[in-house]
Protein backbone atom coordinates (compact mmCIF):
# COMPACT_ATOMS: atom_id res chain seq x y z
CA UNK A 1 129.73 72.94 91.26
CA UNK A 2 132.38 75.56 90.60
CA UNK A 3 133.48 76.48 87.10
CA UNK A 4 137.12 75.81 87.87
CA UNK A 5 138.64 72.66 86.37
CA UNK A 6 141.42 70.98 88.39
CA UNK A 7 144.46 69.86 86.46
CA UNK A 8 144.05 66.34 85.10
CA UNK A 9 147.16 64.75 86.58
CA UNK A 10 146.28 65.51 90.22
CA UNK A 11 142.68 64.43 89.63
CA UNK A 12 143.83 60.97 88.53
CA UNK A 13 145.46 60.69 91.96
CA UNK A 14 142.40 61.97 93.82
CA UNK A 15 139.31 60.18 92.49
CA UNK A 16 135.87 61.74 92.91
CA UNK A 17 132.49 60.15 93.49
CA UNK A 18 131.19 60.21 89.90
CA UNK A 19 134.45 58.79 88.56
CA UNK A 20 134.28 55.89 91.00
CA UNK A 21 130.57 55.37 90.30
CA UNK A 22 131.19 55.07 86.56
CA UNK A 23 133.93 52.48 86.97
CA UNK A 24 132.16 50.47 89.67
CA UNK A 25 129.01 50.38 87.54
CA UNK A 26 131.00 48.33 84.99
CA UNK A 27 132.07 45.63 87.45
CA UNK A 28 128.79 43.75 87.20
CA UNK A 29 129.72 42.83 83.62
CA UNK A 30 133.19 41.39 83.05
CA UNK A 31 133.41 40.84 79.29
CA UNK A 32 135.78 38.19 77.85
CA UNK A 33 137.47 39.33 74.63
CA UNK A 34 140.08 38.27 72.11
CA UNK A 35 140.78 41.72 70.56
CA UNK A 36 140.56 45.33 71.67
CA UNK A 37 137.67 46.02 69.27
CA UNK A 38 135.47 43.09 70.36
CA UNK A 39 133.26 45.60 72.13
CA UNK A 40 132.64 48.98 70.54
CA UNK A 41 132.20 52.57 71.65
CA UNK A 42 129.59 53.11 74.39
CA UNK A 43 129.45 49.39 75.18
CA UNK A 44 132.52 50.25 77.28
CA UNK A 45 130.22 52.29 79.54
CA UNK A 46 128.59 49.16 80.93
CA UNK A 47 131.24 46.44 80.79
CA UNK A 48 134.87 45.89 81.81
CA UNK A 49 137.28 44.29 79.38
CA UNK A 50 140.98 43.90 78.72
CA UNK A 51 141.86 42.78 75.21
CA UNK A 52 142.80 39.11 75.14
CA UNK A 53 141.55 38.36 78.67
CA UNK A 54 138.88 35.68 78.41
CA UNK A 55 138.97 33.64 81.64
CA UNK A 56 136.71 34.72 84.52
CA UNK A 57 139.40 34.58 87.23
CA UNK A 58 141.84 36.54 85.09
CA UNK A 59 139.24 39.21 84.28
CA UNK A 60 138.30 39.57 87.95
CA UNK A 61 141.95 39.97 88.95
CA UNK A 62 142.54 42.60 86.28
CA UNK A 63 139.31 44.40 87.18
CA UNK A 64 140.30 44.86 90.82
CA UNK A 65 143.83 45.94 89.91
CA UNK A 66 142.35 48.62 87.67
CA UNK A 67 139.79 49.38 90.37
CA UNK A 68 142.56 50.30 92.80
CA UNK A 69 144.16 52.51 90.17
CA UNK A 70 140.85 54.30 89.50
CA UNK A 71 139.02 54.36 92.83
CA UNK A 72 141.99 54.67 95.18
CA UNK A 73 144.21 56.80 92.94
CA UNK A 74 147.06 54.29 92.79
CA UNK A 75 150.10 54.99 90.67
CA UNK A 76 151.19 53.21 87.53
CA UNK A 77 154.11 51.57 89.37
CA UNK A 78 151.79 49.76 91.78
CA UNK A 79 149.50 48.72 88.95
CA UNK A 80 152.47 47.21 87.09
CA UNK A 81 153.46 45.18 90.15
CA UNK A 82 149.90 43.88 90.48
CA UNK A 83 149.74 43.14 86.73
CA UNK A 84 152.88 40.98 86.86
CA UNK A 85 151.48 39.02 89.78
CA UNK A 86 148.17 38.50 87.96
CA UNK A 87 149.89 37.29 84.79
CA UNK A 88 151.98 34.80 86.75
CA UNK A 89 149.11 33.61 88.99
CA UNK A 90 146.79 33.00 86.04
CA UNK A 91 149.40 31.66 83.62
CA UNK A 92 148.30 34.24 81.06
CA UNK A 93 150.20 34.08 77.79
CA UNK A 94 149.78 35.54 74.33
CA UNK A 95 148.83 39.05 75.48
CA UNK A 96 149.99 41.96 73.33
CA UNK A 97 153.28 43.25 74.71
CA UNK A 98 154.34 39.98 76.33
CA UNK A 99 157.99 39.06 76.14
CA UNK A 100 159.79 42.39 76.45
CA UNK A 101 160.11 44.99 79.17
CA UNK A 102 159.13 47.71 76.72
CA UNK A 103 156.09 45.74 75.60
CA UNK A 104 154.92 45.19 79.17
CA UNK A 105 155.41 48.85 80.04
CA UNK A 106 153.40 49.92 76.99
CA UNK A 107 150.57 47.45 77.72
CA UNK A 108 150.27 48.31 81.41
CA UNK A 109 150.37 52.03 80.68
CA UNK A 110 147.63 51.62 78.06
CA UNK A 111 145.33 49.66 80.41
CA UNK A 112 145.98 52.02 83.32
CA UNK A 113 145.60 55.30 81.43
CA UNK A 114 142.62 54.23 79.33
CA UNK A 115 140.55 53.25 82.37
CA UNK A 116 141.68 56.20 84.48
CA UNK A 117 141.00 58.78 81.78
CA UNK A 118 137.70 57.38 80.51
CA UNK A 119 136.36 57.07 84.07
CA UNK A 120 137.52 60.62 84.78
CA UNK A 121 135.85 61.96 81.63
CA UNK A 122 132.64 60.00 82.26
CA UNK A 123 132.50 61.27 85.82
CA UNK A 124 133.04 64.83 84.63
CA UNK A 125 130.26 64.39 82.07
CA UNK A 126 127.84 63.46 84.85
CA UNK A 127 128.96 66.55 86.80
CA UNK A 128 128.62 68.85 83.78
CA UNK A 129 125.12 67.60 83.06
CA UNK A 130 124.04 67.67 86.69
CA UNK A 131 125.49 71.20 87.09
CA UNK A 132 123.47 72.50 84.15
CA UNK A 133 126.36 74.27 82.38
CA UNK A 134 125.14 75.88 79.17
CA UNK A 135 128.58 76.11 77.55
CA UNK A 136 131.30 73.51 77.33
CA UNK A 137 134.94 74.29 76.58
CA UNK A 138 137.44 71.84 75.05
CA UNK A 139 140.89 72.01 76.68
CA UNK A 140 143.95 70.42 75.12
CA UNK A 141 146.12 68.44 77.53
CA UNK A 142 148.16 65.99 75.43
CA UNK A 143 151.87 65.39 75.79
CA UNK A 144 153.97 68.51 75.26
CA UNK A 145 156.50 66.35 73.39
CA UNK A 146 154.02 64.84 70.96
CA UNK A 147 150.92 67.04 70.85
CA UNK A 148 148.25 66.05 68.35
CA UNK A 149 147.79 68.99 65.98
CA UNK A 150 144.05 68.36 65.65
CA UNK A 151 143.64 68.46 69.43
CA UNK A 152 145.74 71.60 69.73
CA UNK A 153 143.43 73.28 67.21
CA UNK A 154 140.41 72.28 69.31
CA UNK A 155 141.80 73.96 72.42
CA UNK A 156 139.41 76.65 73.62
CA UNK A 157 136.52 75.59 71.38
CA UNK A 158 133.37 76.75 73.17
CA UNK A 159 129.96 75.40 72.18
CA UNK A 160 126.53 74.86 73.74
CA UNK A 161 126.34 71.71 75.83
CA UNK A 162 123.85 70.15 73.42
CA UNK A 163 125.86 70.82 70.25
CA UNK A 164 126.20 67.57 68.24
CA UNK A 165 129.98 67.95 68.07
CA UNK A 166 130.22 66.77 71.68
CA UNK A 167 128.71 63.40 70.77
CA UNK A 168 131.90 62.65 68.84
CA UNK A 169 134.60 64.95 70.19
CA UNK A 170 134.01 64.67 73.93
CA UNK A 171 137.45 63.45 75.10
CA UNK A 172 139.37 61.28 75.28
CA UNK A 173 139.56 61.17 71.50
CA UNK A 174 142.10 58.38 71.19
CA UNK A 175 144.69 56.23 72.92
CA UNK A 176 146.59 58.30 75.48
CA UNK A 177 144.52 61.44 74.91
CA UNK A 178 144.27 63.50 78.10
CA UNK A 179 142.17 66.37 76.82
CA UNK A 180 139.18 67.38 78.93
CA UNK A 181 136.06 69.56 78.98
CA UNK A 182 135.06 72.28 81.44
CA UNK A 183 131.71 74.00 81.82
CA UNK A 184 130.64 77.64 82.02
CA UNK A 185 127.38 79.53 82.34
CA UNK A 186 128.31 82.55 80.25
CA UNK A 187 130.71 83.64 77.51
CA UNK A 188 132.66 85.66 80.06
CA UNK A 189 132.94 82.61 82.31
CA UNK A 190 134.14 80.53 79.36
CA UNK A 191 136.88 83.03 78.58
CA UNK A 192 138.08 82.90 82.19
CA UNK A 193 138.52 79.14 81.74
CA UNK A 194 140.50 79.46 78.50
CA UNK A 195 137.55 79.24 76.15
CA UNK A 196 137.06 81.16 72.91
CA UNK A 197 133.34 81.58 72.13
CA UNK A 198 134.26 83.00 68.69
CA UNK A 199 136.31 79.96 67.65
CA UNK A 200 134.83 78.21 64.60
CA UNK A 201 134.03 74.53 64.24
CA UNK A 202 136.90 72.32 63.09
CA UNK A 203 136.81 71.40 59.43
CA UNK A 204 135.33 67.94 58.86
CA UNK A 205 134.01 67.52 62.40
CA UNK A 206 130.86 65.83 61.05
CA UNK A 207 132.58 63.72 58.37
CA UNK A 208 132.49 59.93 58.47
CA UNK A 209 136.13 59.94 59.55
CA UNK A 210 136.45 63.03 61.72
CA UNK A 211 140.01 64.37 62.02
CA UNK A 212 141.80 63.86 65.32
CA UNK A 213 139.72 60.89 66.51
CA UNK A 214 141.25 57.42 66.71
CA UNK A 215 139.26 54.44 65.49
CA UNK A 216 136.56 53.50 67.99
CA UNK A 217 136.81 56.73 70.01
CA UNK A 218 134.13 58.78 68.24
CA UNK A 219 131.65 58.62 71.12
CA UNK A 220 130.94 60.36 74.43
CA UNK A 221 132.27 58.22 77.31
CA UNK A 222 129.71 57.99 80.09
CA UNK A 223 126.72 59.34 78.13
CA UNK A 224 124.92 56.01 78.25
CA UNK A 225 125.02 55.90 82.08
CA UNK A 226 125.34 59.56 83.13
CA UNK A 227 122.09 59.64 85.09
CA UNK A 228 122.87 56.35 86.83
CA UNK A 229 126.34 57.62 87.72
CA UNK A 230 124.94 60.81 89.28
CA UNK A 231 122.47 58.83 91.37
CA UNK A 232 125.11 56.34 92.51
CA UNK A 233 127.58 59.09 93.41
CA UNK A 234 125.26 60.51 96.05
CA UNK A 235 125.76 57.33 98.10
CA UNK A 236 129.39 58.03 98.95
CA UNK A 237 129.64 61.79 99.51
CA UNK A 238 129.12 61.77 103.26
CA UNK A 239 132.33 59.92 104.14
CA UNK A 240 135.24 59.52 101.68
CA UNK A 241 136.14 56.05 103.01
CA UNK A 242 132.83 54.78 101.63
CA UNK A 243 134.31 55.13 98.13
CA UNK A 244 136.42 52.06 98.94
CA UNK A 245 133.32 49.84 99.07
CA UNK A 246 130.56 51.91 97.48
CA UNK A 247 128.26 50.56 94.77
CA UNK A 248 129.30 46.93 95.24
CA UNK A 249 125.79 45.93 96.37
CA UNK A 250 124.71 46.11 92.73
CA UNK A 251 127.30 43.56 91.60
CA UNK A 252 126.03 39.95 91.36
CA UNK A 253 126.93 37.90 94.46
CA UNK A 254 129.28 35.48 92.70
CA UNK A 255 131.17 38.33 91.05
CA UNK A 256 131.35 40.34 94.27
CA UNK A 257 132.94 37.39 96.07
CA UNK A 258 135.38 36.83 93.22
CA UNK A 259 136.34 40.51 93.17
CA UNK A 260 136.81 40.55 96.96
CA UNK A 261 139.17 37.58 96.83
CA UNK A 262 141.01 39.03 93.83
CA UNK A 263 141.46 42.32 95.69
CA UNK A 264 143.13 40.64 98.65
CA UNK A 265 145.39 38.64 96.30
CA UNK A 266 146.97 41.83 94.91
CA UNK A 267 150.54 42.48 96.11
CA UNK A 268 149.69 46.17 96.53
CA UNK A 269 147.00 45.37 99.12
CA UNK A 270 149.52 43.42 101.21
CA UNK A 271 151.99 46.27 100.78
CA UNK A 272 149.36 48.75 101.94
CA UNK A 273 148.67 46.82 105.14
CA UNK A 274 152.39 46.66 105.91
CA UNK A 275 152.97 50.35 105.11
CA UNK A 276 149.99 51.43 107.19
CA UNK A 277 151.32 49.55 110.23
CA UNK A 278 154.80 50.99 109.64
CA UNK A 279 153.45 54.54 109.60
CA UNK A 280 151.60 53.98 112.87
CA UNK A 281 154.66 52.49 114.53
CA UNK A 282 156.84 55.37 113.32
CA UNK A 283 154.65 57.58 115.45
CA UNK A 284 152.80 59.50 112.77
CA UNK A 285 149.96 61.41 114.38
CA UNK A 286 146.45 60.18 113.75
CA UNK A 287 145.52 63.23 111.66
CA UNK A 288 148.25 62.31 109.16
CA UNK A 289 146.93 58.79 108.64
CA UNK A 290 143.82 57.47 106.94
CA UNK A 291 141.25 56.60 109.59
CA UNK A 292 141.00 53.09 108.13
CA UNK A 293 142.86 50.90 105.65
CA UNK A 294 140.45 48.56 103.89
CA UNK A 295 141.28 44.90 103.35
CA UNK A 296 138.34 44.31 101.04
CA UNK A 297 134.74 43.16 101.33
CA UNK A 298 133.52 40.10 103.18
CA UNK A 299 132.47 37.22 100.93
CA UNK A 300 129.12 35.47 101.16
CA UNK A 301 130.89 32.68 103.05
CA UNK A 302 132.30 35.17 105.55
CA UNK A 303 128.86 36.71 106.05
CA UNK A 304 127.33 33.29 106.73
CA UNK A 305 130.07 32.42 109.24
CA UNK A 306 129.58 35.66 111.21
CA UNK A 307 125.85 35.01 111.27
CA UNK A 308 126.42 31.46 112.55
CA UNK A 309 128.95 32.57 115.17
CA UNK A 310 127.35 35.79 116.40
CA UNK A 311 123.83 35.88 114.92
CA UNK A 312 124.72 39.13 113.16
CA UNK A 313 123.96 40.26 109.61
CA UNK A 314 127.09 41.81 108.07
CA UNK A 315 126.28 41.97 104.35
CA UNK A 316 128.14 44.83 102.69
CA UNK A 317 130.80 45.01 105.44
CA UNK A 318 134.53 45.11 104.74
CA UNK A 319 137.64 44.18 106.71
CA UNK A 320 139.84 47.06 107.86
CA UNK A 321 142.85 48.16 109.87
CA UNK A 322 142.92 51.24 112.07
CA UNK A 323 145.50 53.02 114.21
CA UNK A 324 144.29 51.64 117.54
CA UNK A 325 144.64 48.05 116.31
CA UNK A 326 148.27 48.46 115.31
CA UNK A 327 149.09 50.15 118.61
CA UNK A 328 147.28 47.43 120.54
CA UNK A 329 149.21 44.67 118.74
CA UNK A 330 152.53 46.42 119.35
CA UNK A 331 151.74 46.83 123.06
CA UNK A 332 150.47 43.29 123.68
CA UNK A 333 152.24 41.19 121.05
CA UNK A 334 155.29 43.24 120.04
CA UNK A 335 157.76 42.05 122.68
CA UNK A 336 159.88 39.08 121.61
CA UNK A 337 160.61 38.08 125.21
CA UNK A 338 156.97 38.20 126.34
CA UNK A 339 155.73 36.36 123.25
CA UNK A 340 158.32 33.59 123.61
CA UNK A 341 156.99 32.88 127.10
CA UNK A 342 153.57 32.26 125.48
CA UNK A 343 154.91 30.01 122.74
CA UNK A 344 154.49 32.83 120.23
CA UNK A 345 156.75 35.22 118.40
CA UNK A 346 156.53 39.00 118.27
CA UNK A 347 154.47 40.55 115.50
CA UNK A 348 156.70 42.53 113.14
CA UNK A 349 155.67 45.15 110.58
CA UNK A 350 156.19 42.66 107.75
CA UNK A 351 153.62 40.32 109.27
CA UNK A 352 150.78 42.73 108.45
CA UNK A 353 151.31 41.85 104.80
CA UNK A 354 149.96 38.37 105.69
CA UNK A 355 146.52 39.70 106.66
CA UNK A 356 145.00 39.69 103.14
CA UNK A 357 146.19 36.12 102.61
CA UNK A 358 144.85 35.08 106.03
CA UNK A 359 141.44 36.48 105.10
CA UNK A 360 141.43 34.68 101.74
CA UNK A 361 142.90 31.33 102.76
CA UNK A 362 142.31 31.00 106.51
CA UNK A 363 139.84 28.83 108.35
CA UNK A 364 136.28 29.83 109.24
CA UNK A 365 135.41 32.94 111.22
CA UNK A 366 134.76 31.79 114.79
CA UNK A 367 133.23 33.37 117.88
CA UNK A 368 135.89 35.23 119.90
CA UNK A 369 133.70 36.78 122.59
CA UNK A 370 133.29 40.52 123.01
CA UNK A 371 135.67 43.47 123.29
CA UNK A 372 136.63 44.35 126.87
CA UNK A 373 136.60 48.04 126.08
CA UNK A 374 133.60 48.44 123.76
CA UNK A 375 131.60 45.23 124.33
CA UNK A 376 131.44 44.87 120.53
CA UNK A 377 131.25 41.31 119.12
CA UNK A 378 134.56 39.69 118.12
CA UNK A 379 135.34 36.98 115.55
CA UNK A 380 138.61 35.14 114.88
CA UNK A 381 140.27 33.64 111.81
CA UNK A 382 143.51 31.60 111.66
CA UNK A 383 145.92 30.58 108.91
CA UNK A 384 148.83 28.16 109.28
CA UNK A 385 151.75 28.44 106.85
CA UNK A 386 154.88 26.27 107.22
CA UNK A 387 154.16 25.55 110.87
CA UNK A 388 153.45 29.19 111.77
CA UNK A 389 149.87 30.11 112.72
CA UNK A 390 148.64 33.66 112.21
CA UNK A 391 145.61 34.61 114.31
CA UNK A 392 143.57 37.75 113.64
CA UNK A 393 140.65 38.89 115.79
CA UNK A 394 138.18 41.37 114.32
CA UNK A 395 135.69 43.66 116.04
CA UNK A 396 132.27 44.03 114.41
CA UNK A 397 131.50 47.74 114.09
CA UNK A 398 127.90 48.06 113.04
CA UNK A 399 127.90 51.84 112.59
CA UNK A 400 130.77 51.75 110.10
CA UNK A 401 129.75 48.40 108.59
CA UNK A 402 133.24 46.99 109.15
CA UNK A 403 135.14 44.17 110.73
CA UNK A 404 138.12 46.07 112.14
CA UNK A 405 141.26 44.29 113.36
CA UNK A 406 141.23 44.16 117.15
CA UNK A 407 144.36 42.10 117.76
CA UNK A 408 146.85 39.95 115.86
CA UNK A 409 149.30 37.35 117.16
CA UNK A 410 151.51 34.54 115.83
CA UNK A 411 152.00 31.03 117.20
CA UNK A 412 155.00 28.92 116.21
CA UNK A 413 155.10 25.15 116.16
CA UNK A 414 152.22 22.98 117.37
């Protein structure tokens, strides 16, 4: 691993394997709480919580909304839209910040930033330890408008990796702290990264109440699971898309199903499907587009239905869109005149936003034959809403462990 440390803001938009591994490792334990301090310090390394969220469905919904922010690099704006939908869907009241726009913006920013930054720092810790860096350098990165003087004074502090200070001062050191640590193998390397090997220890660093550390933040995020995170991260390096579904095999079955359904219930997932189709239909070249757009994991029920219909084992598969599917639908089901003659209506870009709902609420997956072009097995699911039936056919791709949309059409009336 190179010594260079990428700037924090871009990193939060481009997650890396260890960061994803740390967050996903928490999903097997969704912890109900009443207050922010119901779980303390490194207990956050192994469990997901949002203060005041106690119901299982609510926690699962929040966990997947945060998951998209962390593992897919989603922005705060999308997280806020998902948060509002979750609050309304679950009838959640009494949460800190409820009732005012400013309160909601503060609460969503706190949830988003805390999980993004702690997962980033924990992932970096696994990299620093795995890389065997002898020296660690503290870099200040707080707001330029409201910098914390204690953190500014720490900037450039260079100490051996095993110095006890890091057990308390490894960032983040409080709410909203965006400081970070980089590693070097020599004093000269540390200086190139902004370190000062001659800088003295901060006064009171080993006191009961160390200066510059908010209550509950005097621990090293990720230390409890660093080895596990490094081992998990190796699973998703070969192909970046695997990050979208990596590590979920370790989550208990009932939670995995709940998280899969919660994922597809997020407004941002529906928006993604629609935007992906729009980009294809605008003519963007394939190299500009993601190879696949995930629609979330199959549930245990889905897996059983595919096995019954096709005698195939598809555990660990996810649903996905790709470029060829959107082009196929446009060619075969995009003409209003041709579809009317079949008792159907043309598929529009907006209809792709129905796919997550179809997968969550539709009927069973049924045998749909095989693909004419690839001979791959096909399965079909339908959903009727207000007299309109949406039909999606998926191709089973064993190599990629996916059910990829093969075609999509819409029937009106009976």
